[in-house]
Amino acid sequence: MRQKLMYTTMQLHGQPWSLLATEKGLCRVVMPNETIADWQGWISKIAPGVELEENEQALRQTGMMDWLESYFTGEKIAFTEAIPLDLIGTPFQQEVWKALGQVPYGEIRTYGDIAAAIGRPSAVRAVGAANGANPIPVLLPCHRIIGANRKLTGFRGGLKMKRRLLDLERIEGVTDGGHARFNFN
């Protein structure tokens, strides 16, 4: 049972990003197109009865704030296991999220590549769903996962944000696409 749930909000490229952590580690990155209130149902489910506490120092101590600041200044920075995580999801989702963490900076993979990497080559759609449920975007780089046709696909932060992240990493050769519901800032 989770006893603490802390958050802070930081500005990255002039946009608010919120980080949530339990006593075990970082559990969610809330992107600029979302708010913590959007995740209230999820918060109540993972930590029933626990008050959300603003605590920048605790989030700073995870290392995630420094990691994000470095990433958004264009530093070539990779996933690190030094940041404690409290990944809340099914075993399958966690398997996919672990595979996301292994996609190197500046490289892309397809959903099929991730399915093959976890030993489930026919689970492409399930990998897509797990990718979409990724609670720690950017650190677990779901933005680096594209369609087999080399097109942008869905992204919780919107396709413009996905494009910005790929551009930041100087990833080329990915064409626009994706579902209209992801066409927002």
C-alpha atoms as a PDB file:
ATOM      1  CA  MET A   1       0.000   0.000   0.000  1.00  0.00           C
ATOM      2  CA  ARG A   2       1.358   3.389  -0.977  1.00  0.00           C
ATOM      3  CA  GLN A   3       1.538   5.775   1.970  1.00  0.00           C
ATOM      4  CA  LYS A   4       2.790   8.915   0.206  1.00  0.00           C
ATOM      5  CA  LEU A   5       2.034  10.610  -3.082  1.00  0.00           C
ATOM      6  CA  MET A   6       4.034  13.709  -3.892  1.00  0.00           C
ATOM      7  CA  TYR A   7       4.128  16.032  -6.880  1.00  0.00           C
ATOM      8  CA  THR A   8       5.825  19.057  -8.309  1.00  0.00           C
ATOM      9  CA  THR A   9       5.465  21.047 -11.491  1.00  0.00           C
ATOM     10  CA  MET A  10       8.403  22.312 -13.514  1.00  0.00           C
ATOM     11  CA  GLN A  11       8.716  24.438 -16.632  1.00  0.00           C
ATOM     12  CA  LEU A  12      10.373  22.869 -19.684  1.00  0.00           C
ATOM     13  CA  HIS A  13      10.488  24.943 -22.869  1.00  0.00           C
ATOM     14  CA  GLY A  14       7.912  27.268 -21.338  1.00  0.00           C
ATOM     15  CA  GLN A  15       5.439  24.475 -20.654  1.00  0.00           C
ATOM     16  CA  PRO A  16       4.355  22.899 -17.350  1.00  0.00           C
ATOM     17  CA  TRP A  17       5.327  19.283 -16.740  1.00  0.00           C
ATOM     18  CA  SER A  18       4.236  17.652 -13.483  1.00  0.00           C
ATOM     19  CA  LEU A  19       5.929  14.745 -11.788  1.00  0.00           C
ATOM     20  CA  LEU A  20       4.293  12.395  -9.302  1.00  0.00           C
ATOM     21  CA  ALA A  21       6.113  10.003  -6.992  1.00  0.00           C
ATOM     22  CA  THR A  22       5.295   7.569  -4.244  1.00  0.00           C
ATOM     23  CA  GLU A  23       7.694   6.676  -1.461  1.00  0.00           C
ATOM     24  CA  LYS A  24       9.013   3.971  -3.847  1.00  0.00           C
ATOM     25  CA  GLY A  25       9.838   6.320  -6.736  1.00  0.00           C
ATOM     26  CA  LEU A  26       8.590   8.286  -9.707  1.00  0.00           C
ATOM     27  CA  CYS A  27       5.206   6.953 -10.828  1.00  0.00           C
ATOM     28  CA  ARG A  28       3.911   9.401 -13.441  1.00  0.00           C
ATOM     29  CA  VAL A  29       4.989  12.244 -15.716  1.00  0.00           C
ATOM     30  CA  VAL A  30       2.068  14.532 -16.546  1.00  0.00           C
ATOM     31  CA  MET A  31       2.663  16.251 -19.893  1.00  0.00           C
ATOM     32  CA  PRO A  32       1.747  19.866 -20.713  1.00  0.00           C
ATOM     33  CA  ASN A  33      -1.558  18.957 -22.390  1.00  0.00           C
ATOM     34  CA  GLU A  34      -2.695  17.255 -19.170  1.00  0.00           C
ATOM     35  CA  THR A  35      -3.209  18.299 -15.560  1.00  0.00           C
ATOM     36  CA  ILE A  36      -2.887  16.443 -12.313  1.00  0.00           C
ATOM     37  CA  ALA A  37      -6.674  16.763 -11.988  1.00  0.00           C
ATOM     38  CA  ASP A  38      -7.005  14.698 -15.194  1.00  0.00           C
ATOM     39  CA  TRP A  39      -5.330  11.850 -13.311  1.00  0.00           C
ATOM     40  CA  GLN A  40      -7.414  12.117 -10.104  1.00  0.00           C
ATOM     41  CA  GLY A  41      -9.221   8.813 -10.746  1.00  0.00           C
ATOM     42  CA  TRP A  42      -5.894   7.044 -11.281  1.00  0.00           C
ATOM     43  CA  ILE A  43      -4.445   8.695  -8.158  1.00  0.00           C
ATOM     44  CA  SER A  44      -7.409   7.528  -6.056  1.00  0.00           C
ATOM     45  CA  LYS A  45      -6.976   4.006  -7.392  1.00  0.00           C
ATOM     46  CA  ILE A  46      -3.229   3.657  -6.744  1.00  0.00           C
ATOM     47  CA  ALA A  47      -3.176   5.468  -3.403  1.00  0.00           C
ATOM     48  CA  PRO A  48      -6.682   5.434  -1.916  1.00  0.00           C
ATOM     49  CA  GLY A  49      -7.112   7.979   0.856  1.00  0.00           C
ATOM     50  CA  VAL A  50      -3.596   9.382   0.465  1.00  0.00           C
ATOM     51  CA  GLU A  51      -3.336  13.158   0.254  1.00  0.00           C
ATOM     52  CA  LEU A  52      -1.398  14.535  -2.705  1.00  0.00           C
ATOM     53  CA  GLU A  53       1.495  16.548  -1.260  1.00  0.00           C
ATOM     54  CA  GLU A  54       3.490  19.186  -3.142  1.00  0.00           C
ATOM     55  CA  ASN A  55       7.146  18.353  -2.502  1.00  0.00           C
ATOM     56  CA  GLU A  56       9.671  19.639  -5.025  1.00  0.00           C
ATOM     57  CA  GLN A  57      12.620  18.496  -2.900  1.00  0.00           C
ATOM     58  CA  ALA A  58      11.465  14.857  -2.878  1.00  0.00           C
ATOM     59  CA  LEU A  59      10.964  14.897  -6.655  1.00  0.00           C
ATOM     60  CA  ARG A  60      14.321  16.636  -7.159  1.00  0.00           C
ATOM     61  CA  GLN A  61      15.958  13.836  -5.157  1.00  0.00           C
ATOM     62  CA  THR A  62      14.689  11.209  -7.618  1.00  0.00           C
ATOM     63  CA  GLY A  63      16.959  12.766 -10.243  1.00  0.00           C
ATOM     64  CA  MET A  64      14.120  13.064 -12.758  1.00  0.00           C
ATOM     65  CA  MET A  65      13.986  16.865 -12.704  1.00  0.00           C
ATOM     66  CA  ASP A  66      17.690  17.155 -13.531  1.00  0.00           C
ATOM     67  CA  TRP A  67      17.338  14.406 -16.148  1.00  0.00           C
ATOM     68  CA  LEU A  68      14.458  16.222 -17.887  1.00  0.00           C
ATOM     69  CA  GLU A  69      16.263  19.577 -17.742  1.00  0.00           C
ATOM     70  CA  SER A  70      19.314  17.996 -19.387  1.00  0.00           C
ATOM     71  CA  TYR A  71      17.201  16.238 -22.004  1.00  0.00           C
ATOM     72  CA  PHE A  72      15.338  19.409 -22.979  1.00  0.00           C
ATOM     73  CA  THR A  73      18.582  21.364 -23.365  1.00  0.00           C
ATOM     74  CA  GLY A  74      19.521  18.862 -26.061  1.00  0.00           C
ATOM     75  CA  GLU A  75      21.948  16.779 -24.038  1.00  0.00           C
ATOM     76  CA  LYS A  76      22.249  13.243 -25.380  1.00  0.00           C
ATOM     77  CA  ILE A  77      20.940  11.498 -22.286  1.00  0.00           C
ATOM     78  CA  ALA A  78      19.733   7.918 -22.019  1.00  0.00           C
ATOM     79  CA  PHE A  79      17.435   5.999 -19.710  1.00  0.00           C
ATOM     80  CA  THR A  80      19.009   5.437 -16.332  1.00  0.00           C
ATOM     81  CA  GLU A  81      18.100   2.957 -13.642  1.00  0.00           C
ATOM     82  CA  ALA A  82      19.431   5.471 -11.091  1.00  0.00           C
ATOM     83  CA  ILE A  83      16.011   7.148 -11.081  1.00  0.00           C
ATOM     84  CA  PRO A  84      13.780   5.131  -8.748  1.00  0.00           C
ATOM     85  CA  LEU A  85      10.514   4.174 -10.406  1.00  0.00           C
ATOM     86  CA  ASP A  86       7.222   2.892  -9.077  1.00  0.00           C
ATOM     87  CA  LEU A  87       5.735   1.595 -12.324  1.00  0.00           C
ATOM     88  CA  ILE A  88       2.078   0.833 -11.800  1.00  0.00           C
ATOM     89  CA  GLY A  89       0.745  -1.493 -14.469  1.00  0.00           C
ATOM     90  CA  THR A  90       0.220  -5.071 -15.499  1.00  0.00           C
ATOM     91  CA  PRO A  91       3.186  -7.426 -15.862  1.00  0.00           C
ATOM     92  CA  PHE A  92       2.814  -7.187 -19.662  1.00  0.00           C
ATOM     93  CA  GLN A  93       2.813  -3.374 -19.569  1.00  0.00           C
ATOM     94  CA  GLN A  94       5.887  -3.388 -17.359  1.00  0.00           C
ATOM     95  CA  GLU A  95       7.636  -5.725 -19.779  1.00  0.00           C
ATOM     96  CA  VAL A  96       6.903  -3.301 -22.637  1.00  0.00           C
ATOM     97  CA  TRP A  97       7.974  -0.279 -20.575  1.00  0.00           C
ATOM     98  CA  LYS A  98      11.262  -1.981 -19.734  1.00  0.00           C
ATOM     99  CA  ALA A  99      11.841  -2.553 -23.463  1.00  0.00           C
ATOM    100  CA  LEU A 100      11.104   1.134 -24.127  1.00  0.00           C
ATOM    101  CA  GLY A 101      13.886   2.062 -21.726  1.00  0.00           C
ATOM    102  CA  GLN A 102      16.295   0.096 -23.901  1.00  0.00           C
ATOM    103  CA  VAL A 103      15.654   2.120 -27.082  1.00  0.00           C
ATOM    104  CA  PRO A 104      18.765   4.311 -27.410  1.00  0.00           C
ATOM    105  CA  TYR A 105      18.689   8.089 -27.645  1.00  0.00           C
ATOM    106  CA  GLY A 106      18.361   9.209 -31.249  1.00  0.00           C
ATOM    107  CA  GLU A 107      16.999   5.883 -32.505  1.00  0.00           C
ATOM    108  CA  ILE A 108      13.511   4.680 -33.323  1.00  0.00           C
ATOM    109  CA  ARG A 109      11.752   1.334 -33.190  1.00  0.00           C
ATOM    110  CA  THR A 110       8.408   0.098 -34.440  1.00  0.00           C
ATOM    111  CA  TYR A 111       5.715  -1.511 -32.342  1.00  0.00           C
ATOM    112  CA  GLY A 112       6.648  -4.766 -34.064  1.00  0.00           C
ATOM    113  CA  ASP A 113      10.275  -4.323 -32.982  1.00  0.00           C
ATOM    114  CA  ILE A 114       9.193  -3.946 -29.362  1.00  0.00           C
ATOM    115  CA  ALA A 115       6.866  -6.959 -29.624  1.00  0.00           C
ATOM    116  CA  ALA A 116       9.769  -9.031 -30.976  1.00  0.00           C
ATOM    117  CA  ALA A 117      12.127  -7.684 -28.290  1.00  0.00           C
ATOM    118  CA  ILE A 118       9.857  -8.978 -25.524  1.00  0.00           C
ATOM    119  CA  GLY A 119       9.447 -12.339 -27.247  1.00  0.00           C
ATOM    120  CA  ARG A 120       5.844 -11.771 -28.349  1.00  0.00           C
ATOM    121  CA  PRO A 121       6.046 -10.917 -32.047  1.00  0.00           C
ATOM    122  CA  SER A 122       2.297 -11.272 -32.614  1.00  0.00           C
ATOM    123  CA  ALA A 123       1.390  -8.860 -29.791  1.00  0.00           C
ATOM    124  CA  VAL A 124       1.884  -5.674 -31.818  1.00  0.00           C
ATOM    125  CA  ARG A 125      -1.490  -4.147 -30.917  1.00  0.00           C
ATOM    126  CA  ALA A 126      -1.066  -5.009 -27.242  1.00  0.00           C
ATOM    127  CA  VAL A 127       2.381  -3.411 -27.346  1.00  0.00           C
ATOM    128  CA  GLY A 128       0.760  -0.301 -28.838  1.00  0.00           C
ATOM    129  CA  ALA A 129      -1.754  -0.174 -25.998  1.00  0.00           C
ATOM    130  CA  ALA A 130       0.977  -0.642 -23.368  1.00  0.00           C
ATOM    131  CA  ASN A 131       3.080   2.007 -25.087  1.00  0.00           C
ATOM    132  CA  GLY A 132       0.118   4.391 -24.893  1.00  0.00           C
ATOM    133  CA  ALA A 133      -0.246   3.667 -21.180  1.00  0.00           C
ATOM    134  CA  ASN A 134       3.413   4.454 -20.457  1.00  0.00           C
ATOM    135  CA  PRO A 135       3.388   6.453 -17.201  1.00  0.00           C
ATOM    136  CA  ILE A 136       6.895   7.891 -17.581  1.00  0.00           C
ATOM    137  CA  PRO A 137       7.125   9.347 -21.105  1.00  0.00           C
ATOM    138  CA  VAL A 138      10.464  10.724 -22.274  1.00  0.00           C
ATOM    139  CA  LEU A 139      12.500   8.714 -19.716  1.00  0.00           C
ATOM    140  CA  LEU A 140      10.810   5.555 -21.016  1.00  0.00           C
ATOM    141  CA  PRO A 141      10.882   6.882 -24.593  1.00  0.00           C
ATOM    142  CA  CYS A 142       7.536   5.891 -26.069  1.00  0.00           C
ATOM    143  CA  HIS A 143       7.960   8.843 -28.468  1.00  0.00           C
ATOM    144  CA  ARG A 144      10.674   6.815 -30.240  1.00  0.00           C
ATOM    145  CA  ILE A 145       8.148   4.156 -31.240  1.00  0.00           C
ATOM    146  CA  ILE A 146       6.632   4.638 -34.689  1.00  0.00           C
ATOM    147  CA  GLY A 147       4.468   2.771 -37.140  1.00  0.00           C
ATOM    148  CA  ALA A 148       5.888   0.078 -39.420  1.00  0.00           C
ATOM    149  CA  ASN A 149       5.320   2.536 -42.293  1.00  0.00           C
ATOM    150  CA  ARG A 150       7.737   5.002 -40.581  1.00  0.00           C
ATOM    151  CA  LYS A 151       4.884   7.359 -39.713  1.00  0.00           C
ATOM    152  CA  LEU A 152       4.150   9.091 -36.452  1.00  0.00           C
ATOM    153  CA  THR A 153       1.464   7.286 -34.541  1.00  0.00           C
ATOM    154  CA  GLY A 154      -0.480   8.196 -31.415  1.00  0.00           C
ATOM    155  CA  PHE A 155       1.120   9.949 -28.492  1.00  0.00           C
ATOM    156  CA  ARG A 156      -0.504  11.060 -25.251  1.00  0.00           C
ATOM    157  CA  GLY A 157       1.304  14.399 -25.511  1.00  0.00           C
ATOM    158  CA  GLY A 158       0.062  14.969 -29.045  1.00  0.00           C
ATOM    159  CA  LEU A 159       1.764  14.464 -32.388  1.00  0.00           C
ATOM    160  CA  LYS A 160       3.323  17.939 -32.315  1.00  0.00           C
ATOM    161  CA  MET A 161       5.029  17.091 -29.024  1.00  0.00           C
ATOM    162  CA  LYS A 162       6.147  13.723 -30.409  1.00  0.00           C
ATOM    163  CA  ARG A 163       7.642  15.491 -33.429  1.00  0.00           C
ATOM    164  CA  ARG A 164       9.407  18.026 -31.161  1.00  0.00           C
ATOM    165  CA  LEU A 165      10.947  15.230 -29.112  1.00  0.00           C
ATOM    166  CA  LEU A 166      12.131  13.392 -32.229  1.00  0.00           C
ATOM    167  CA  ASP A 167      13.540  16.654 -33.624  1.00  0.00           C
ATOM    168  CA  LEU A 168      15.321  17.351 -30.338  1.00  0.00           C
ATOM    169  CA  GLU A 169      17.068  13.998 -30.754  1.00  0.00           C
ATOM    170  CA  ARG A 170      17.726  14.739 -34.452  1.00  0.00           C
ATOM    171  CA  ILE A 171      15.749  11.698 -35.548  1.00  0.00           C
ATOM    172  CA  GLU A 172      14.953  11.940 -39.248  1.00  0.00           C
ATOM    173  CA  GLY A 173      12.981   9.915 -41.753  1.00  0.00           C
ATOM    174  CA  VAL A 174       9.723   9.766 -39.811  1.00  0.00           C
ATOM    175  CA  THR A 175       6.746  11.137 -41.706  1.00  0.00           C
ATOM    176  CA  ASP A 176       3.620  12.732 -40.302  1.00  0.00           C
ATOM    177  CA  GLY A 177       0.580  10.596 -39.761  1.00  0.00           C
ATOM    178  CA  GLY A 178      -1.290   9.364 -36.763  1.00  0.00           C
ATOM    179  CA  HIS A 179      -4.895   9.541 -35.718  1.00  0.00           C
ATOM    180  CA  ALA A 180      -6.617  12.943 -35.759  1.00  0.00           C
ATOM    181  CA  ARG A 181      -7.362  12.684 -32.017  1.00  0.00           C
ATOM    182  CA  PHE A 182      -3.629  13.189 -31.371  1.00  0.00           C
ATOM    183  CA  ASN A 183      -3.427  16.415 -33.411  1.00  0.00           C
ATOM    184  CA  PHE A 184      -3.193  18.946 -30.596  1.00  0.00           C
ATOM    185  CA  ASN A 185      -0.399  20.962 -28.998  1.00  0.00           C
END
